[in-house]
C-alpha atoms as a PDB file:
ATOM      1  CA  MET A   1      -2.796  -5.387-131.822  1.00  0.00           C
ATOM      2  CA  THR A   2      -2.452  -8.531-130.802  1.00  0.00           C
ATOM      3  CA  THR A   3      -5.513 -10.784-131.176  1.00  0.00           C
ATOM      4  CA  ASP A   4      -6.773 -13.491-128.410  1.00  0.00           C
ATOM      5  CA  THR A   5      -9.050 -16.199-128.589  1.00  0.00           C
ATOM      6  CA  PHE A   6     -12.041 -16.893-125.942  1.00  0.00           C
ATOM      7  CA  PHE A   7     -15.325 -17.989-126.028  1.00  0.00           C
ATOM      8  CA  GLY A   8     -14.800 -21.337-128.215  1.00  0.00           C
ATOM      9  CA  GLY A   9     -11.824 -20.400-130.814  1.00  0.00           C
ATOM     10  CA  VAL A  10     -13.480 -16.802-132.147  1.00  0.00           C
ATOM     11  CA  SER A  11     -10.883 -14.294-132.948  1.00  0.00           C
ATOM     12  CA  GLN A  12     -10.947 -10.946-130.953  1.00  0.00           C
ATOM     13  CA  SER A  13      -8.848  -8.029-130.466  1.00  0.00           C
ATOM     14  CA  ALA A  14      -6.974  -7.739-127.594  1.00  0.00           C
ATOM     15  CA  GLY A  15      -7.844  -4.071-127.463  1.00  0.00           C
ATOM     16  CA  LEU A  16     -10.204  -1.743-125.101  1.00  0.00           C
ATOM     17  CA  TYR A  17     -13.258  -2.451-127.573  1.00  0.00           C
ATOM     18  CA  GLY A  18     -12.633  -5.682-129.085  1.00  0.00           C
ATOM     19  CA  THR A  19     -14.357  -6.080-132.427  1.00  0.00           C
ATOM     20  CA  PRO A  20     -17.239  -4.153-133.844  1.00  0.00           C
ATOM     21  CA  SER A  21     -19.242  -7.585-134.845  1.00  0.00           C
ATOM     22  CA  THR A  22     -19.113  -8.660-130.834  1.00  0.00           C
ATOM     23  CA  TYR A  23     -19.118  -6.382-128.651  1.00  0.00           C
ATOM     24  CA  GLY A  24     -21.586  -4.060-131.443  1.00  0.00           C
ATOM     25  CA  GLY A  25     -18.980  -1.648-131.982  1.00  0.00           C
ATOM     26  CA  GLY A  26     -19.966   0.468-129.786  1.00  0.00           C
ATOM     27  CA  GLN A  27     -16.892   2.330-127.764  1.00  0.00           C
ATOM     28  CA  TYR A  28     -16.773   2.985-123.507  1.00  0.00           C
ATOM     29  CA  LEU A  29     -15.739   5.283-122.003  1.00  0.00           C
ATOM     30  CA  GLU A  30     -15.578   5.902-117.654  1.00  0.00           C
ATOM     31  CA  TRP A  31     -16.782   9.630-117.181  1.00  0.00           C
ATOM     32  CA  PHE A  32     -16.138  10.991-113.186  1.00  0.00           C
ATOM     33  CA  ILE A  33     -18.213  14.249-112.552  1.00  0.00           C
ATOM     34  CA  PHE A  34     -17.845  16.518-109.951  1.00  0.00           C
ATOM     35  CA  GLN A  35     -19.787  19.139-107.689  1.00  0.00           C
ATOM     36  CA  VAL A  36     -18.354  20.716-104.251  1.00  0.00           C
ATOM     37  CA  SER A  37     -20.931  20.545-101.108  1.00  0.00           C
ATOM     38  CA  PRO A  38     -20.607  20.396 -97.675  1.00  0.00           C
ATOM     39  CA  THR A  39     -23.507  17.371 -98.215  1.00  0.00           C
ATOM     40  CA  GLN A  40     -23.445  14.308 -99.832  1.00  0.00           C
ATOM     41  CA  PRO A  41     -25.301  15.563-103.162  1.00  0.00           C
ATOM     42  CA  ALA A  42     -28.440  12.702-104.772  1.00  0.00           C
ATOM     43  CA  THR A  43     -27.078  10.470-107.570  1.00  0.00           C
ATOM     44  CA  PRO A  44     -27.103  12.859-110.665  1.00  0.00           C
ATOM     45  CA  THR A  45     -29.438  12.505-113.590  1.00  0.00           C
ATOM     46  CA  GLY A  46     -28.960  13.287-117.645  1.00  0.00           C
ATOM     47  CA  GLY A  47     -25.622  14.471-119.186  1.00  0.00           C
ATOM     48  CA  SER A  48     -24.585  13.522-122.094  1.00  0.00           C
ATOM     49  CA  TRP A  49     -21.067  13.263-124.516  1.00  0.00           C
ATOM     50  CA  ASP A  50     -20.070  13.853-127.607  1.00  0.00           C
ATOM     51  CA  PHE A  51     -17.629  11.085-128.804  1.00  0.00           C
ATOM     52  CA  THR A  52     -16.887  13.546-131.613  1.00  0.00           C
ATOM     53  CA  SER A  53     -15.376  15.723-129.971  1.00  0.00           C
ATOM     54  CA  ASN A  54     -14.834  14.057-126.587  1.00  0.00           C
ATOM     55  CA  ILE A  55     -16.699  16.675-124.765  1.00  0.00           C
ATOM     56  CA  GLY A  56     -19.217  15.764-122.314  1.00  0.00           C
ATOM     57  CA  THR A  57     -22.139  17.557-121.302  1.00  0.00           C
ATOM     58  CA  PRO A  58     -22.644  16.722-117.177  1.00  0.00           C
ATOM     59  CA  PRO A  59     -26.092  16.633-115.435  1.00  0.00           C
ATOM     60  CA  THR A  60     -27.080  20.391-114.026  1.00  0.00           C
ATOM     61  CA  GLY A  61     -24.687  21.094-110.936  1.00  0.00           C
ATOM     62  CA  TRP A  62     -22.017  19.284-111.388  1.00  0.00           C
ATOM     63  CA  SER A  63     -18.395  19.754-113.440  1.00  0.00           C
ATOM     64  CA  SER A  64     -15.730  17.146-115.360  1.00  0.00           C
ATOM     65  CA  THR A  65     -13.397  18.916-113.656  1.00  0.00           C
ATOM     66  CA  ALA A  66     -12.346  18.973-110.034  1.00  0.00           C
ATOM     67  CA  PRO A  67     -11.966  22.375-108.651  1.00  0.00           C
ATOM     68  CA  PRO A  68      -9.149  23.604-108.412  1.00  0.00           C
ATOM     69  CA  ALA A  69      -9.456  24.958-104.980  1.00  0.00           C
ATOM     70  CA  PRO A  70     -12.398  24.104-103.360  1.00  0.00           C
ATOM     71  CA  THR A  71     -13.893  25.735-100.389  1.00  0.00           C
ATOM     72  CA  SER A  72     -15.989  22.618 -99.462  1.00  0.00           C
ATOM     73  CA  LEU A  73     -16.207  19.144 -99.556  1.00  0.00           C
ATOM     74  CA  VAL A  74     -15.690  17.468-103.031  1.00  0.00           C
ATOM     75  CA  TRP A  75     -17.965  14.512-103.905  1.00  0.00           C
ATOM     76  CA  VAL A  76     -17.326  12.770-107.612  1.00  0.00           C
ATOM     77  CA  SER A  77     -20.112  10.196-109.501  1.00  0.00           C
ATOM     78  CA  ILE A  78     -19.191   7.431-111.806  1.00  0.00           C
ATOM     79  CA  ALA A  79     -21.260   6.731-115.423  1.00  0.00           C
ATOM     80  CA  LEU A  80     -19.574   3.939-117.827  1.00  0.00           C
ATOM     81  CA  VAL A  81     -20.499   6.073-120.973  1.00  0.00           C
ATOM     82  CA  ASN A  82     -21.638   3.905-124.649  1.00  0.00           C
ATOM     83  CA  SER A  83     -20.838   5.756-127.848  1.00  0.00           C
ATOM     84  CA  LYS A  84     -24.023   4.294-129.533  1.00  0.00           C
ATOM     85  CA  ALA A  85     -26.501   5.742-126.027  1.00  0.00           C
ATOM     86  CA  PRO A  86     -24.126   8.563-125.175  1.00  0.00           C
ATOM     87  CA  SER A  87     -27.652  10.190-123.497  1.00  0.00           C
ATOM     88  CA  LEU A  88     -28.125   6.591-121.383  1.00  0.00           C
ATOM     89  CA  LEU A  89     -25.975   7.571-118.153  1.00  0.00           C
ATOM     90  CA  THR A  90     -26.893   5.373-115.102  1.00  0.00           C
ATOM     91  CA  TRP A  91     -24.717   7.882-112.303  1.00  0.00           C
ATOM     92  CA  SER A  92     -23.323   6.267-109.519  1.00  0.00           C
ATOM     93  CA  THR A  93     -23.700   7.518-105.534  1.00  0.00           C
ATOM     94  CA  PRO A  94     -21.645  10.603-105.290  1.00  0.00           C
ATOM     95  CA  GLY A  95     -18.651   9.100-102.862  1.00  0.00           C
ATOM     96  CA  GLN A  96     -16.265  11.894-101.034  1.00  0.00           C
ATOM     97  CA  PHE A  97     -13.579  12.615-103.315  1.00  0.00           C
ATOM     98  CA  ALA A  98     -11.607  15.312-101.874  1.00  0.00           C
ATOM     99  CA  PHE A  99     -11.939  18.010 -98.519  1.00  0.00           C
ATOM    100  CA  SER A 100     -10.268  21.001 -97.881  1.00  0.00           C
ATOM    101  CA  GLY A 101     -10.673  23.208 -94.700  1.00  0.00           C
ATOM    102  CA  ALA A 102     -13.169  20.455 -92.950  1.00  0.00           C
ATOM    103  CA  SER A 103     -12.667  19.273 -89.476  1.00  0.00           C
ATOM    104  CA  ILE A 104     -12.318  15.091 -89.932  1.00  0.00           C
ATOM    105  CA  PRO A 105     -12.559  13.376 -86.550  1.00  0.00           C
ATOM    106  CA  GLY A 106     -10.596  11.822 -84.708  1.00  0.00           C
ATOM    107  CA  GLY A 107      -8.366   9.373 -86.222  1.00  0.00           C
ATOM    108  CA  ILE A 108      -4.932   9.857 -87.107  1.00  0.00           C
ATOM    109  CA  TYR A 109      -5.144  13.402 -88.402  1.00  0.00           C
ATOM    110  CA  GLY A 110      -7.858  15.079 -86.082  1.00  0.00           C
ATOM    111  CA  GLY A 111      -8.546  18.382 -86.214  1.00  0.00           C
ATOM    112  CA  THR A 112      -8.894  20.835 -89.122  1.00  0.00           C
ATOM    113  CA  PHE A 113      -7.337  21.179 -92.282  1.00  0.00           C
END
């Protein structure tokens, strides 16, 4: 692993998590969750991540995997998970991830897919 020097000569790992003494020893991951809904859902709350098993429990009504054959709009929300507090999640406002069978207005596509 390479190292780099920054912040006044303190040597740090150039890896994803840095050194435990400076960054608190936490590991981080960006977690995407999904929901199928014809309208934008409310921002999710709750959920937790288990860093031992690398399995997350998404908030109620959300899934850790994108649906394989959605029948409506698919929404995504993202949280940065810290291994020091894997249950303290702040989710992003849901954004549209994909659509299936939905009408989209005008533009270059127009019509129904």
